Amino acid sequence: MRKDVALSFSRLMAEILDYVKDGADLLIENGWLEKVPEAADRQELTH
């Protein structure tokens, strides 16, 4: 692979990672991040 292409690709990947981090921070701040599925509380359902 050409060195200039590898360098451009590395810079692009670093920029993409910055956007991903910003997006994840927004999801966490606003509570939009999905939660892990939880089992229903059977006792609560019967009352």
Protein backbone atom coordinates (compact mmCIF):
# COMPACT_ATOMS: atom_id res chain seq x y z
CA MET A 1 0.00 0.00 0.00
CA ARG A 2 1.21 3.48 -0.76
CA LYS A 3 2.35 5.46 2.25
CA ASP A 4 0.23 8.51 1.42
CA VAL A 5 -2.92 6.39 1.15
CA ALA A 6 -2.18 4.67 4.46
CA LEU A 7 -1.62 8.04 6.12
CA SER A 8 -4.87 9.45 4.73
CA PHE A 9 -6.74 6.36 5.86
CA SER A 10 -5.29 6.64 9.37
CA ARG A 11 -6.32 10.28 9.64
CA LEU A 12 -9.82 9.45 8.42
CA MET A 13 -10.16 6.67 10.99
CA ALA A 14 -9.10 9.04 13.79
CA GLU A 15 -11.70 11.59 12.66
CA ILE A 16 -14.42 8.94 12.51
CA LEU A 17 -13.56 7.79 16.03
CA ASP A 18 -14.02 11.36 17.28
CA TYR A 19 -17.53 11.45 15.77
CA VAL A 20 -18.36 8.05 17.26
CA LYS A 21 -17.26 9.19 20.72
CA ASP A 22 -19.31 12.39 20.45
CA GLY A 23 -22.34 10.38 19.35
CA ALA A 24 -21.98 7.90 22.20
CA ASP A 25 -21.66 10.77 24.70
CA LEU A 26 -24.91 12.29 23.37
CA LEU A 27 -26.72 8.96 23.66
CA ILE A 28 -25.59 8.54 27.26
CA GLU A 29 -26.35 12.14 28.27
CA ASN A 30 -29.90 12.03 26.92
CA GLY A 31 -30.69 8.51 28.08
CA TRP A 32 -31.20 7.29 24.53
CA LEU A 33 -28.77 4.42 24.82
CA GLU A 34 -30.66 1.13 24.83
CA LYS A 35 -30.71 -0.84 28.02
CA VAL A 36 -29.98 -4.53 28.27
CA PRO A 37 -33.25 -6.52 28.21
CA GLU A 38 -34.39 -7.40 31.70
CA ALA A 39 -36.67 -10.19 32.88
CA ALA A 40 -40.11 -9.11 34.06
CA ASP A 41 -40.70 -9.13 37.81
CA ARG A 42 -43.36 -11.84 38.12
CA GLN A 43 -44.38 -10.74 41.62
CA GLU A 44 -45.07 -7.22 40.42
CA LEU A 45 -47.10 -8.48 37.45
CA THR A 46 -49.50 -10.46 39.68
CA HIS A 47 -50.38 -7.47 41.91
